[in-house]
């Protein structure tokens, strides 16, 4: 099973933008949560019809992005010392300028201490 998905909301927007009905909103931020694992710590795959994380903890603006190729972009976000200190992060998503989550990834829980920064990257590929 895949642990990362492009949401149904994002795919609908892409289709409508390609038809010329709307302008596709840019990716503006990351969302972090702790609902990507079950009670035993097993990674739970995200569902394409999700419109939010299972258990959202924090939203943060994108720090930077890099165009890796004509079909791939890497987005970057840094959690500072104070961000999510003491939490276990197990789900992450990208959201657009409309506030809609367009991609979700789940993974094993990562502990975040208050004396460290963490950098996250998510790649958007076509």
PDB file of N, CA and C in Angstrom:
ATOM      1  N   UNK A   1       0.821  -1.190   0.000  1.00  0.00           N
ATOM      2  CA  UNK A   1       0.000   0.000   0.000  1.00  0.00           C
ATOM      3  C   UNK A   1       0.863   1.252   0.000  1.00  0.00           C
ATOM      4  N   UNK A   2       0.412   2.242  -0.734  1.00  0.00           N
ATOM      5  CA  UNK A   2       1.142   3.509  -0.802  1.00  0.00           C
ATOM      6  C   UNK A   2       0.891   4.320   0.462  1.00  0.00           C
ATOM      7  N   UNK A   3       1.942   4.948   0.953  1.00  0.00           N
ATOM      8  CA  UNK A   3       1.809   5.801   2.130  1.00  0.00           C
ATOM      9  C   UNK A   3       1.806   7.275   1.768  1.00  0.00           C
ATOM     10  N   UNK A   4       1.659   7.571   0.477  1.00  0.00           N
ATOM     11  CA  UNK A   4       1.503   8.957   0.060  1.00  0.00           C
ATOM     12  C   UNK A   4       0.493   9.007  -1.083  1.00  0.00           C
ATOM     13  N   UNK A   5      -0.310  10.052  -1.075  1.00  0.00           N
ATOM     14  CA  UNK A   5      -1.357  10.189  -2.085  1.00  0.00           C
ATOM     15  C   UNK A   5      -1.511  11.654  -2.490  1.00  0.00           C
ATOM     16  N   UNK A   6      -2.023  11.849  -3.679  1.00  0.00           N
ATOM     17  CA  UNK A   6      -2.538  13.141  -4.105  1.00  0.00           C
ATOM     18  C   UNK A   6      -4.028  13.050  -3.836  1.00  0.00           C
ATOM     19  N   UNK A   7      -4.564  14.015  -3.120  1.00  0.00           N
ATOM     20  CA  UNK A   7      -5.969  13.933  -2.708  1.00  0.00           C
ATOM     21  C   UNK A   7      -6.922  14.069  -3.897  1.00  0.00           C
ATOM     22  N   UNK A   8      -8.123  13.583  -3.690  1.00  0.00           N
ATOM     23  CA  UNK A   8      -9.169  13.701  -4.697  1.00  0.00           C
ATOM     24  C   UNK A   8      -9.473  15.181  -4.968  1.00  0.00           C
ATOM     25  N   UNK A   9      -9.449  15.992  -3.931  1.00  0.00           N
ATOM     26  CA  UNK A   9      -9.654  17.435  -4.097  1.00  0.00           C
ATOM     27  C   UNK A   9      -8.623  18.017  -5.052  1.00  0.00           C
ATOM     28  N   UNK A  10      -7.365  17.647  -4.896  1.00  0.00           N
ATOM     29  CA  UNK A  10      -6.298  18.151  -5.769  1.00  0.00           C
ATOM     30  C   UNK A  10      -6.505  17.682  -7.204  1.00  0.00           C
ATOM     31  N   UNK A  11      -6.873  16.438  -7.388  1.00  0.00           N
ATOM     32  CA  UNK A  11      -7.063  15.908  -8.742  1.00  0.00           C
ATOM     33  C   UNK A  11      -8.238  16.582  -9.440  1.00  0.00           C
ATOM     34  N   UNK A  12      -9.302  16.864  -8.693  1.00  0.00           N
ATOM     35  CA  UNK A  12     -10.447  17.589  -9.272  1.00  0.00           C
ATOM     36  C   UNK A  12     -10.021  18.985  -9.722  1.00  0.00           C
ATOM     37  N   UNK A  13      -9.223  19.667  -8.883  1.00  0.00           N
ATOM     38  CA  UNK A  13      -8.752  21.003  -9.236  1.00  0.00           C
ATOM     39  C   UNK A  13      -7.853  20.961 -10.477  1.00  0.00           C
ATOM     40  N   UNK A  14      -6.972  19.964 -10.555  1.00  0.00           N
ATOM     41  CA  UNK A  14      -6.087  19.851 -11.717  1.00  0.00           C
ATOM     42  C   UNK A  14      -6.893  19.641 -12.992  1.00  0.00           C
ATOM     43  N   UNK A  15      -7.901  18.815 -12.932  1.00  0.00           N
ATOM     44  CA  UNK A  15      -8.740  18.541 -14.095  1.00  0.00           C
ATOM     45  C   UNK A  15      -9.473  19.812 -14.539  1.00  0.00           C
ATOM     46  N   UNK A  16     -10.058  20.526 -13.588  1.00  0.00           N
ATOM     47  CA  UNK A  16     -10.786  21.758 -13.920  1.00  0.00           C
ATOM     48  C   UNK A  16      -9.840  22.836 -14.450  1.00  0.00           C
ATOM     49  N   UNK A  17      -8.619  22.889 -13.915  1.00  0.00           N
ATOM     50  CA  UNK A  17      -7.638  23.866 -14.402  1.00  0.00           C
ATOM     51  C   UNK A  17      -7.211  23.528 -15.829  1.00  0.00           C
ATOM     52  N   UNK A  18      -7.026  22.263 -16.119  1.00  0.00           N
ATOM     53  CA  UNK A  18      -6.645  21.854 -17.471  1.00  0.00           C
ATOM     54  C   UNK A  18      -7.743  22.149 -18.479  1.00  0.00           C
ATOM     55  N   UNK A  19      -8.990  22.126 -18.021  1.00  0.00           N
ATOM     56  CA  UNK A  19     -10.121  22.443 -18.892  1.00  0.00           C
ATOM     57  C   UNK A  19     -10.312  23.954 -19.031  1.00  0.00           C
ATOM     58  N   UNK A  20      -9.588  24.735 -18.230  1.00  0.00           N
ATOM     59  CA  UNK A  20      -9.692  26.185 -18.298  1.00  0.00           C
ATOM     60  C   UNK A  20     -10.783  26.774 -17.425  1.00  0.00           C
ATOM     61  N   UNK A  21     -11.383  25.954 -16.576  1.00  0.00           N
ATOM     62  CA  UNK A  21     -12.463  26.451 -15.718  1.00  0.00           C
ATOM     63  C   UNK A  21     -11.951  27.244 -14.518  1.00  0.00           C
ATOM     64  N   UNK A  22     -10.768  26.890 -14.015  1.00  0.00           N
ATOM     65  CA  UNK A  22     -10.205  27.567 -12.841  1.00  0.00           C
ATOM     66  C   UNK A  22      -8.705  27.760 -13.043  1.00  0.00           C
ATOM     67  N   UNK A  23      -8.116  28.592 -12.220  1.00  0.00           N
ATOM     68  CA  UNK A  23      -6.663  28.708 -12.137  1.00  0.00           C
ATOM     69  C   UNK A  23      -6.220  27.880 -10.943  1.00  0.00           C
ATOM     70  N   UNK A  24      -5.246  27.047 -11.138  1.00  0.00           N
ATOM     71  CA  UNK A  24      -4.780  26.163 -10.070  1.00  0.00           C
ATOM     72  C   UNK A  24      -4.054  26.982  -9.004  1.00  0.00           C
ATOM     73  N   UNK A  25      -4.512  26.910  -7.741  1.00  0.00           N
ATOM     74  CA  UNK A  25      -3.843  27.664  -6.672  1.00  0.00           C
ATOM     75  C   UNK A  25      -2.480  27.052  -6.338  1.00  0.00           C
ATOM     76  N   UNK A  26      -1.542  27.903  -5.977  1.00  0.00           N
ATOM     77  CA  UNK A  26      -0.197  27.424  -5.668  1.00  0.00           C
ATOM     78  C   UNK A  26      -0.154  26.717  -4.317  1.00  0.00           C
ATOM     79  N   UNK A  27       0.841  25.865  -4.152  1.00  0.00           N
ATOM     80  CA  UNK A  27       1.100  25.191  -2.882  1.00  0.00           C
ATOM     81  C   UNK A  27       1.717  26.235  -1.946  1.00  0.00           C
ATOM     82  N   UNK A  28       1.156  26.373  -0.743  1.00  0.00           N
ATOM     83  CA  UNK A  28       1.633  27.420   0.158  1.00  0.00           C
ATOM     84  C   UNK A  28       2.147  26.916   1.502  1.00  0.00           C
ATOM     85  N   UNK A  29       1.802  25.694   1.898  1.00  0.00           N
ATOM     86  CA  UNK A  29       2.236  25.276   3.221  1.00  0.00           C
ATOM     87  C   UNK A  29       2.205  23.795   3.479  1.00  0.00           C
ATOM     88  N   UNK A  30       2.747  23.459   4.626  1.00  0.00           N
ATOM     89  CA  UNK A  30       2.779  22.099   5.144  1.00  0.00           C
ATOM     90  C   UNK A  30       1.812  22.011   6.322  1.00  0.00           C
ATOM     91  N   UNK A  31       1.276  20.837   6.535  1.00  0.00           N
ATOM     92  CA  UNK A  31       0.491  20.557   7.732  1.00  0.00           C
ATOM     93  C   UNK A  31       1.064  19.285   8.350  1.00  0.00           C
ATOM     94  N   UNK A  32       1.208  19.295   9.662  1.00  0.00           N
ATOM     95  CA  UNK A  32       1.811  18.180  10.392  1.00  0.00           C
ATOM     96  C   UNK A  32       0.789  17.585  11.356  1.00  0.00           C
ATOM     97  N   UNK A  33       0.846  16.266  11.559  1.00  0.00           N
ATOM     98  CA  UNK A  33      -0.062  15.613  12.483  1.00  0.00           C
ATOM     99  C   UNK A  33       0.535  14.361  13.092  1.00  0.00           C
ATOM    100  N   UNK A  34      -0.244  13.754  13.997  1.00  0.00           N
ATOM    101  CA  UNK A  34       0.221  12.530  14.664  1.00  0.00           C
ATOM    102  C   UNK A  34      -0.751  11.376  14.466  1.00  0.00           C
ATOM    103  N   UNK A  35      -1.574  11.441  13.419  1.00  0.00           N
ATOM    104  CA  UNK A  35      -2.557  10.393  13.173  1.00  0.00           C
ATOM    105  C   UNK A  35      -2.199   9.432  12.050  1.00  0.00           C
ATOM    106  N   UNK A  36      -0.928   9.336  11.725  1.00  0.00           N
ATOM    107  CA  UNK A  36      -0.506   8.465  10.616  1.00  0.00           C
ATOM    108  C   UNK A  36      -0.199   7.040  11.009  1.00  0.00           C
ATOM    109  N   UNK A  37      -0.339   6.729  12.299  1.00  0.00           N
ATOM    110  CA  UNK A  37      -0.099   5.365  12.781  1.00  0.00           C
ATOM    111  C   UNK A  37      -1.264   4.922  13.658  1.00  0.00           C
ATOM    112  N   UNK A  38      -1.439   3.595  13.757  1.00  0.00           N
ATOM    113  CA  UNK A  38      -2.485   3.065  14.632  1.00  0.00           C
ATOM    114  C   UNK A  38      -1.946   2.885  16.053  1.00  0.00           C
ATOM    115  N   UNK A  39      -2.747   2.308  16.935  1.00  0.00           N
ATOM    116  CA  UNK A  39      -2.365   2.149  18.343  1.00  0.00           C
ATOM    117  C   UNK A  39      -1.104   1.314  18.529  1.00  0.00           C
ATOM    118  N   UNK A  40      -0.841   0.388  17.581  1.00  0.00           N
ATOM    119  CA  UNK A  40       0.358  -0.452  17.665  1.00  0.00           C
ATOM    120  C   UNK A  40       1.571   0.176  16.984  1.00  0.00           C
ATOM    121  N   UNK A  41       1.402   1.354  16.410  1.00  0.00           N
ATOM    122  CA  UNK A  41       2.508   2.029  15.735  1.00  0.00           C
ATOM    123  C   UNK A  41       2.648   1.674  14.268  1.00  0.00           C
ATOM    124  N   UNK A  42       1.683   0.937  13.713  1.00  0.00           N
ATOM    125  CA  UNK A  42       1.719   0.597  12.295  1.00  0.00           C
ATOM    126  C   UNK A  42       1.265   1.790  11.465  1.00  0.00           C
ATOM    127  N   UNK A  43       1.973   2.022  10.365  1.00  0.00           N
ATOM    128  CA  UNK A  43       1.625   3.137   9.488  1.00  0.00           C
ATOM    129  C   UNK A  43       0.290   2.854   8.812  1.00  0.00           C
ATOM    130  N   UNK A  44      -0.597   3.847   8.842  1.00  0.00           N
ATOM    131  CA  UNK A  44      -1.920   3.744   8.229  1.00  0.00           C
ATOM    132  C   UNK A  44      -1.889   4.546   6.922  1.00  0.00           C
ATOM    133  N   UNK A  45      -2.123   3.907   5.778  1.00  0.00           N
ATOM    134  CA  UNK A  45      -2.090   4.646   4.516  1.00  0.00           C
ATOM    135  C   UNK A  45      -3.174   5.727   4.463  1.00  0.00           C
ATOM    136  N   UNK A  46      -2.846   6.890   3.910  1.00  0.00           N
ATOM    137  CA  UNK A  46      -3.864   7.938   3.762  1.00  0.00           C
ATOM    138  C   UNK A  46      -4.881   7.536   2.693  1.00  0.00           C
ATOM    139  N   UNK A  47      -6.041   8.154   2.743  1.00  0.00           N
ATOM    140  CA  UNK A  47      -7.106   7.877   1.780  1.00  0.00           C
ATOM    141  C   UNK A  47      -7.252   9.062   0.828  1.00  0.00           C
ATOM    142  N   UNK A  48      -7.521   8.766  -0.436  1.00  0.00           N
ATOM    143  CA  UNK A  48      -7.594   9.838  -1.435  1.00  0.00           C
ATOM    144  C   UNK A  48      -8.716  10.841  -1.167  1.00  0.00           C
ATOM    145  N   UNK A  49      -9.745  10.423  -0.446  1.00  0.00           N
ATOM    146  CA  UNK A  49     -10.865  11.334  -0.184  1.00  0.00           C
ATOM    147  C   UNK A  49     -10.679  12.148   1.107  1.00  0.00           C
ATOM    148  N   UNK A  50      -9.522  12.041   1.759  1.00  0.00           N
ATOM    149  CA  UNK A  50      -9.262  12.843   2.950  1.00  0.00           C
ATOM    150  C   UNK A  50      -9.216  14.319   2.589  1.00  0.00           C
ATOM    151  N   UNK A  51      -9.798  15.147   3.433  1.00  0.00           N
ATOM    152  CA  UNK A  51      -9.744  16.597   3.251  1.00  0.00           C
ATOM    153  C   UNK A  51      -8.962  17.270   4.377  1.00  0.00           C
ATOM    154  N   UNK A  52      -8.483  16.457   5.316  1.00  0.00           N
ATOM    155  CA  UNK A  52      -7.653  16.944   6.415  1.00  0.00           C
ATOM    156  C   UNK A  52      -6.848  15.768   6.951  1.00  0.00           C
ATOM    157  N   UNK A  53      -5.844  16.071   7.765  1.00  0.00           N
ATOM    158  CA  UNK A  53      -5.092  15.000   8.413  1.00  0.00           C
ATOM    159  C   UNK A  53      -5.974  14.354   9.473  1.00  0.00           C
ATOM    160  N   UNK A  54      -5.622  13.156   9.871  1.00  0.00           N
ATOM    161  CA  UNK A  54      -6.386  12.459  10.908  1.00  0.00           C
ATOM    162  C   UNK A  54      -6.317  13.233  12.218  1.00  0.00           C
ATOM    163  N   UNK A  55      -5.123  13.737  12.548  1.00  0.00           N
ATOM    164  CA  UNK A  55      -4.954  14.484  13.796  1.00  0.00           C
ATOM    165  C   UNK A  55      -3.950  15.621  13.580  1.00  0.00           C
ATOM    166  N   UNK A  56      -4.443  16.755  13.110  1.00  0.00           N
ATOM    167  CA  UNK A  56      -3.597  17.906  12.788  1.00  0.00           C
ATOM    168  C   UNK A  56      -3.023  18.530  14.047  1.00  0.00           C
ATOM    169  N   UNK A  57      -1.713  18.848  13.973  1.00  0.00           N
ATOM    170  CA  UNK A  57      -1.025  19.512  15.074  1.00  0.00           C
ATOM    171  C   UNK A  57      -0.593  20.940  14.730  1.00  0.00           C
ATOM    172  N   UNK A  58      -0.156  21.159  13.477  1.00  0.00           N
ATOM    173  CA  UNK A  58       0.438  22.451  13.132  1.00  0.00           C
ATOM    174  C   UNK A  58       0.427  22.668  11.626  1.00  0.00           C
ATOM    175  N   UNK A  59       0.189  23.908  11.221  1.00  0.00           N
ATOM    176  CA  UNK A  59       0.372  24.338   9.836  1.00  0.00           C
ATOM    177  C   UNK A  59       1.549  25.294   9.799  1.00  0.00           C
ATOM    178  N   UNK A  60       2.360  25.187   8.746  1.00  0.00           N
ATOM    179  CA  UNK A  60       3.514  26.080   8.567  1.00  0.00           C
ATOM    180  C   UNK A  60       3.666  26.414   7.101  1.00  0.00           C
ATOM    181  N   UNK A  61       4.091  27.635   6.828  1.00  0.00           N
ATOM    182  CA  UNK A  61       4.351  28.037   5.448  1.00  0.00           C
ATOM    183  C   UNK A  61       5.547  27.270   4.888  1.00  0.00           C
ATOM    184  N   UNK A  62       5.536  27.107   3.585  1.00  0.00           N
ATOM    185  CA  UNK A  62       6.687  26.519   2.902  1.00  0.00           C
ATOM    186  C   UNK A  62       7.864  27.471   3.046  1.00  0.00           C
ATOM    187  N   UNK A  63       9.032  26.943   3.343  1.00  0.00           N
ATOM    188  CA  UNK A  63      10.229  27.758   3.463  1.00  0.00           C
ATOM    189  C   UNK A  63      10.828  28.012   2.083  1.00  0.00           C
ATOM    190  N   UNK A  64      10.820  26.977   1.242  1.00  0.00           N
ATOM    191  CA  UNK A  64      11.488  27.069  -0.049  1.00  0.00           C
ATOM    192  C   UNK A  64      11.012  25.915  -0.928  1.00  0.00           C
ATOM    193  N   UNK A  65      11.302  25.996  -2.185  1.00  0.00           N
ATOM    194  CA  UNK A  65      11.064  24.881  -3.090  1.00  0.00           C
ATOM    195  C   UNK A  65      12.174  24.838  -4.131  1.00  0.00           C
ATOM    196  N   UNK A  66      12.376  23.660  -4.709  1.00  0.00           N
ATOM    197  CA  UNK A  66      13.383  23.454  -5.742  1.00  0.00           C
ATOM    198  C   UNK A  66      12.744  22.693  -6.886  1.00  0.00           C
ATOM    199  N   UNK A  67      12.882  23.210  -8.100  1.00  0.00           N
ATOM    200  CA  UNK A  67      12.439  22.477  -9.280  1.00  0.00           C
ATOM    201  C   UNK A  67      13.538  21.467  -9.613  1.00  0.00           C
ATOM    202  N   UNK A  68      13.240  20.189  -9.416  1.00  0.00           N
ATOM    203  CA  UNK A  68      14.218  19.136  -9.657  1.00  0.00           C
ATOM    204  C   UNK A  68      14.293  18.756 -11.133  1.00  0.00           C
ATOM    205  N   UNK A  69      13.176  18.921 -11.825  1.00  0.00           N
ATOM    206  CA  UNK A  69      13.101  18.627 -13.258  1.00  0.00           C
ATOM    207  C   UNK A  69      11.853  19.314 -13.801  1.00  0.00           C
ATOM    208  N   UNK A  70      11.546  19.074 -15.062  1.00  0.00           N
ATOM    209  CA  UNK A  70      10.338  19.648 -15.652  1.00  0.00           C
ATOM    210  C   UNK A  70       9.065  19.042 -15.079  1.00  0.00           C
ATOM    211  N   UNK A  71       9.182  17.930 -14.364  1.00  0.00           N
ATOM    212  CA  UNK A  71       8.002  17.235 -13.839  1.00  0.00           C
ATOM    213  C   UNK A  71       8.077  16.956 -12.342  1.00  0.00           C
ATOM    214  N   UNK A  72       9.038  17.581 -11.644  1.00  0.00           N
ATOM    215  CA  UNK A  72       9.191  17.292 -10.225  1.00  0.00           C
ATOM    216  C   UNK A  72       9.654  18.534  -9.455  1.00  0.00           C
ATOM    217  N   UNK A  73       8.931  18.819  -8.350  1.00  0.00           N
ATOM    218  CA  UNK A  73       9.258  19.951  -7.474  1.00  0.00           C
ATOM    219  C   UNK A  73       9.375  19.442  -6.043  1.00  0.00           C
ATOM    220  N   UNK A  74      10.386  19.903  -5.317  1.00  0.00           N
ATOM    221  CA  UNK A  74      10.583  19.525  -3.917  1.00  0.00           C
ATOM    222  C   UNK A  74      10.309  20.741  -3.035  1.00  0.00           C
ATOM    223  N   UNK A  75       9.345  20.587  -2.103  1.00  0.00           N
ATOM    224  CA  UNK A  75       8.986  21.632  -1.157  1.00  0.00           C
ATOM    225  C   UNK A  75       9.692  21.378   0.168  1.00  0.00           C
ATOM    226  N   UNK A  76      10.072  22.473   0.847  1.00  0.00           N
ATOM    227  CA  UNK A  76      10.839  22.372   2.098  1.00  0.00           C
ATOM    228  C   UNK A  76      10.145  23.156   3.208  1.00  0.00           C
ATOM    229  N   UNK A  77      10.151  22.565   4.407  1.00  0.00           N
ATOM    230  CA  UNK A  77       9.618  23.222   5.600  1.00  0.00           C
ATOM    231  C   UNK A  77      10.504  22.841   6.788  1.00  0.00           C
ATOM    232  N   UNK A  78      10.779  23.790   7.652  1.00  0.00           N
ATOM    233  CA  UNK A  78      11.604  23.541   8.835  1.00  0.00           C
ATOM    234  C   UNK A  78      10.769  23.757  10.083  1.00  0.00           C
ATOM    235  N   UNK A  79      10.785  22.762  10.958  1.00  0.00           N
ATOM    236  CA  UNK A  79      10.185  22.918  12.282  1.00  0.00           C
ATOM    237  C   UNK A  79      11.274  23.460  13.196  1.00  0.00           C
ATOM    238  N   UNK A  80      11.029  24.627  13.784  1.00  0.00           N
ATOM    239  CA  UNK A  80      11.989  25.232  14.693  1.00  0.00           C
ATOM    240  C   UNK A  80      11.994  24.530  16.036  1.00  0.00           C
ATOM    241  N   UNK A  81      12.859  24.977  16.911  1.00  0.00           N
ATOM    242  CA  UNK A  81      13.011  24.371  18.231  1.00  0.00           C
ATOM    243  C   UNK A  81      11.677  24.268  18.966  1.00  0.00           C
ATOM    244  N   UNK A  82      10.895  25.338  18.908  1.00  0.00           N
ATOM    245  CA  UNK A  82       9.644  25.388  19.666  1.00  0.00           C
ATOM    246  C   UNK A  82       8.485  24.665  18.979  1.00  0.00           C
ATOM    247  N   UNK A  83       8.610  24.409  17.683  1.00  0.00           N
ATOM    248  CA  UNK A  83       7.515  23.788  16.926  1.00  0.00           C
ATOM    249  C   UNK A  83       7.370  22.305  17.268  1.00  0.00           C
ATOM    250  N   UNK A  84       6.221  21.936  17.771  1.00  0.00           N
ATOM    251  CA  UNK A  84       5.851  20.540  18.057  1.00  0.00           C
ATOM    252  C   UNK A  84       6.799  19.833  19.016  1.00  0.00           C
ATOM    253  N   UNK A  85       7.420  20.580  19.912  1.00  0.00           N
ATOM    254  CA  UNK A  85       8.311  19.980  20.910  1.00  0.00           C
ATOM    255  C   UNK A  85       7.538  18.959  21.744  1.00  0.00           C
ATOM    256  N   UNK A  86       8.089  17.760  21.873  1.00  0.00           N
ATOM    257  CA  UNK A  86       7.467  16.700  22.654  1.00  0.00           C
ATOM    258  C   UNK A  86       6.445  15.880  21.881  1.00  0.00           C
ATOM    259  N   UNK A  87       6.177  16.228  20.639  1.00  0.00           N
ATOM    260  CA  UNK A  87       5.196  15.501  19.823  1.00  0.00           C
ATOM    261  C   UNK A  87       5.864  14.402  18.997  1.00  0.00           C
ATOM    262  N   UNK A  88       5.035  13.474  18.559  1.00  0.00           N
ATOM    263  CA  UNK A  88       5.468  12.430  17.624  1.00  0.00           C
ATOM    264  C   UNK A  88       4.714  12.660  16.322  1.00  0.00           C
ATOM    265  N   UNK A  89       5.443  13.015  15.285  1.00  0.00           N
ATOM    266  CA  UNK A  89       4.851  13.345  13.989  1.00  0.00           C
ATOM    267  C   UNK A  89       4.786  12.081  13.140  1.00  0.00           C
ATOM    268  N   UNK A  90       3.606  11.799  12.556  1.00  0.00           N
ATOM    269  CA  UNK A  90       3.476  10.601  11.716  1.00  0.00           C
ATOM    270  C   UNK A  90       2.654  10.841  10.447  1.00  0.00           C
ATOM    271  N   UNK A  91       2.240  12.064  10.229  1.00  0.00           N
ATOM    272  CA  UNK A  91       1.541  12.404   8.985  1.00  0.00           C
ATOM    273  C   UNK A  91       1.877  13.846   8.627  1.00  0.00           C
ATOM    274  N   UNK A  92       1.945  14.074   7.328  1.00  0.00           N
ATOM    275  CA  UNK A  92       2.312  15.389   6.820  1.00  0.00           C
ATOM    276  C   UNK A  92       1.543  15.612   5.522  1.00  0.00           C
ATOM    277  N   UNK A  93       1.241  16.855   5.236  1.00  0.00           N
ATOM    278  CA  UNK A  93       0.545  17.155   3.995  1.00  0.00           C
ATOM    279  C   UNK A  93       0.968  18.493   3.432  1.00  0.00           C
ATOM    280  N   UNK A  94       0.619  18.691   2.172  1.00  0.00           N
ATOM    281  CA  UNK A  94       0.785  19.986   1.513  1.00  0.00           C
ATOM    282  C   UNK A  94      -0.593  20.589   1.325  1.00  0.00           C
ATOM    283  N   UNK A  95      -0.707  21.897   1.538  1.00  0.00           N
ATOM    284  CA  UNK A  95      -1.974  22.554   1.264  1.00  0.00           C
ATOM    285  C   UNK A  95      -1.742  23.717   0.308  1.00  0.00           C
ATOM    286  N   UNK A  96      -2.831  24.089  -0.379  1.00  0.00           N
ATOM    287  CA  UNK A  96      -2.734  25.143  -1.386  1.00  0.00           C
ATOM    288  C   UNK A  96      -3.269  26.472  -0.850  1.00  0.00           C
ATOM    289  N   UNK A  97      -3.244  27.485  -1.707  1.00  0.00           N
ATOM    290  CA  UNK A  97      -3.658  28.831  -1.310  1.00  0.00           C
ATOM    291  C   UNK A  97      -5.136  28.902  -0.929  1.00  0.00           C
ATOM    292  N   UNK A  98      -5.938  27.913  -1.353  1.00  0.00           N
ATOM    293  CA  UNK A  98      -7.340  27.842  -0.944  1.00  0.00           C
ATOM    294  C   UNK A  98      -7.512  27.195   0.425  1.00  0.00           C
ATOM    295  N   UNK A  99      -6.410  26.664   0.983  1.00  0.00           N
ATOM    296  CA  UNK A  99      -6.472  25.963   2.261  1.00  0.00           C
ATOM    297  C   UNK A  99      -6.803  24.489   2.136  1.00  0.00           C
ATOM    298  N   UNK A 100      -6.845  23.966   0.906  1.00  0.00           N
ATOM    299  CA  UNK A 100      -7.159  22.549   0.689  1.00  0.00           C
ATOM    300  C   UNK A 100      -5.897  21.696   0.731  1.00  0.00           C
ATOM    301  N   UNK A 101      -5.978  20.568   1.411  1.00  0.00           N
ATOM    302  CA  UNK A 101      -4.862  19.625   1.423  1.00  0.00           C
ATOM    303  C   UNK A 101      -4.836  18.905   0.078  1.00  0.00           C
ATOM    304  N   UNK A 102      -3.678  18.943  -0.569  1.00  0.00           N
ATOM    305  CA  UNK A 102      -3.552  18.376  -1.913  1.00  0.00           C
ATOM    306  C   UNK A 102      -2.703  17.111  -1.951  1.00  0.00           C
ATOM    307  N   UNK A 103      -1.928  16.859  -0.907  1.00  0.00           N
ATOM    308  CA  UNK A 103      -1.111  15.651  -0.825  1.00  0.00           C
ATOM    309  C   UNK A 103      -0.927  15.288   0.646  1.00  0.00           C
ATOM    310  N   UNK A 104      -0.883  13.976   0.905  1.00  0.00           N
ATOM    311  CA  UNK A 104      -0.699  13.485   2.280  1.00  0.00           C
ATOM    312  C   UNK A 104       0.288  12.335   2.254  1.00  0.00           C
ATOM    313  N   UNK A 105       1.165  12.309   3.251  1.00  0.00           N
ATOM    314  CA  UNK A 105       2.107  11.200   3.439  1.00  0.00           C
ATOM    315  C   UNK A 105       2.043  10.774   4.899  1.00  0.00           C
ATOM    316  N   UNK A 106       2.010   9.460   5.129  1.00  0.00           N
ATOM    317  CA  UNK A 106       2.070   8.921   6.486  1.00  0.00           C
ATOM    318  C   UNK A 106       3.359   8.119   6.633  1.00  0.00           C
ATOM    319  N   UNK A 107       3.851   8.013   7.880  1.00  0.00           N
ATOM    320  CA  UNK A 107       5.130   7.347   8.134  1.00  0.00           C
ATOM    321  C   UNK A 107       5.210   7.001   9.612  1.00  0.00           C
ATOM    322  N   UNK A 108       6.212   6.203   9.969  1.00  0.00           N
ATOM    323  CA  UNK A 108       6.385   5.844  11.371  1.00  0.00           C
ATOM    324  C   UNK A 108       6.627   7.109  12.190  1.00  0.00           C
ATOM    325  N   UNK A 109       6.175   7.094  13.433  1.00  0.00           N
ATOM    326  CA  UNK A 109       6.230   8.285  14.287  1.00  0.00           C
ATOM    327  C   UNK A 109       7.664   8.747  14.519  1.00  0.00           C
ATOM    328  N   UNK A 110       7.869  10.055  14.341  1.00  0.00           N
ATOM    329  CA  UNK A 110       9.171  10.693  14.562  1.00  0.00           C
ATOM    330  C   UNK A 110       9.042  11.637  15.751  1.00  0.00           C
ATOM    331  N   UNK A 111       9.806  11.388  16.789  1.00  0.00           N
ATOM    332  CA  UNK A 111       9.778  12.245  17.972  1.00  0.00           C
ATOM    333  C   UNK A 111      10.478  13.564  17.711  1.00  0.00           C
ATOM    334  N   UNK A 112       9.949  14.636  18.278  1.00  0.00           N
ATOM    335  CA  UNK A 112      10.519  15.981  18.103  1.00  0.00           C
ATOM    336  C   UNK A 112      10.824  16.569  19.475  1.00  0.00           C
ATOM    337  N   UNK A 113      12.105  16.759  19.758  1.00  0.00           N
ATOM    338  CA  UNK A 113      12.538  17.355  21.013  1.00  0.00           C
ATOM    339  C   UNK A 113      12.615  18.869  20.880  1.00  0.00           C
ATOM    340  N   UNK A 114      12.672  19.568  22.021  1.00  0.00           N
ATOM    341  CA  UNK A 114      12.706  21.026  21.993  1.00  0.00           C
ATOM    342  C   UNK A 114      14.094  21.610  21.770  1.00  0.00           C
ATOM    343  N   UNK A 115      15.113  20.753  21.671  1.00  0.00           N
ATOM    344  CA  UNK A 115      16.472  21.234  21.434  1.00  0.00           C
ATOM    345  C   UNK A 115      16.960  20.905  20.028  1.00  0.00           C
ATOM    346  N   UNK A 116      15.989  20.695  19.113  1.00  0.00           N
ATOM    347  CA  UNK A 116      16.366  20.356  17.746  1.00  0.00           C
ATOM    348  C   UNK A 116      15.409  20.972  16.741  1.00  0.00           C
ATOM    349  N   UNK A 117      15.918  21.213  15.542  1.00  0.00           N
ATOM    350  CA  UNK A 117      15.094  21.591  14.408  1.00  0.00           C
ATOM    351  C   UNK A 117      14.961  20.365  13.513  1.00  0.00           C
ATOM    352  N   UNK A 118      13.868  20.283  12.777  1.00  0.00           N
ATOM    353  CA  UNK A 118      13.661  19.195  11.835  1.00  0.00           C
ATOM    354  C   UNK A 118      13.279  19.799  10.490  1.00  0.00           C
ATOM    355  N   UNK A 119      13.893  19.290   9.426  1.00  0.00           N
ATOM    356  CA  UNK A 119      13.586  19.737   8.079  1.00  0.00           C
ATOM    357  C   UNK A 119      12.824  18.645   7.363  1.00  0.00           C
ATOM    358  N   UNK A 120      11.723  19.014   6.730  1.00  0.00           N
ATOM    359  CA  UNK A 120      10.894  18.083   5.975  1.00  0.00           C
ATOM    360  C   UNK A 120      10.867  18.510   4.518  1.00  0.00           C
ATOM    361  N   UNK A 121      10.894  17.515   3.629  1.00  0.00           N
ATOM    362  CA  UNK A 121      10.763  17.731   2.194  1.00  0.00           C
ATOM    363  C   UNK A 121       9.641  16.858   1.676  1.00  0.00           C
ATOM    364  N   UNK A 122       8.832  17.404   0.794  1.00  0.00           N
ATOM    365  CA  UNK A 122       7.834  16.623   0.066  1.00  0.00           C
ATOM    366  C   UNK A 122       8.000  16.937  -1.409  1.00  0.00           C
ATOM    367  N   UNK A 123       7.977  15.877  -2.218  1.00  0.00           N
ATOM    368  CA  UNK A 123       8.136  16.046  -3.652  1.00  0.00           C
ATOM    369  C   UNK A 123       6.813  15.883  -4.372  1.00  0.00           C
ATOM    370  N   UNK A 124       6.578  16.779  -5.294  1.00  0.00           N
ATOM    371  CA  UNK A 124       5.400  16.759  -6.146  1.00  0.00           C
ATOM    372  C   UNK A 124       5.893  16.327  -7.526  1.00  0.00           C
ATOM    373  N   UNK A 125       5.397  15.192  -8.022  1.00  0.00           N
ATOM    374  CA  UNK A 125       5.883  14.639  -9.286  1.00  0.00           C
ATOM    375  C   UNK A 125       4.750  14.343 -10.238  1.00  0.00           C
ATOM    376  N   UNK A 126       5.017  14.537 -11.523  1.00  0.00           N
ATOM    377  CA  UNK A 126       4.062  14.194 -12.572  1.00  0.00           C
ATOM    378  C   UNK A 126       4.746  13.359 -13.634  1.00  0.00           C
TER     379      UNK A 126
END
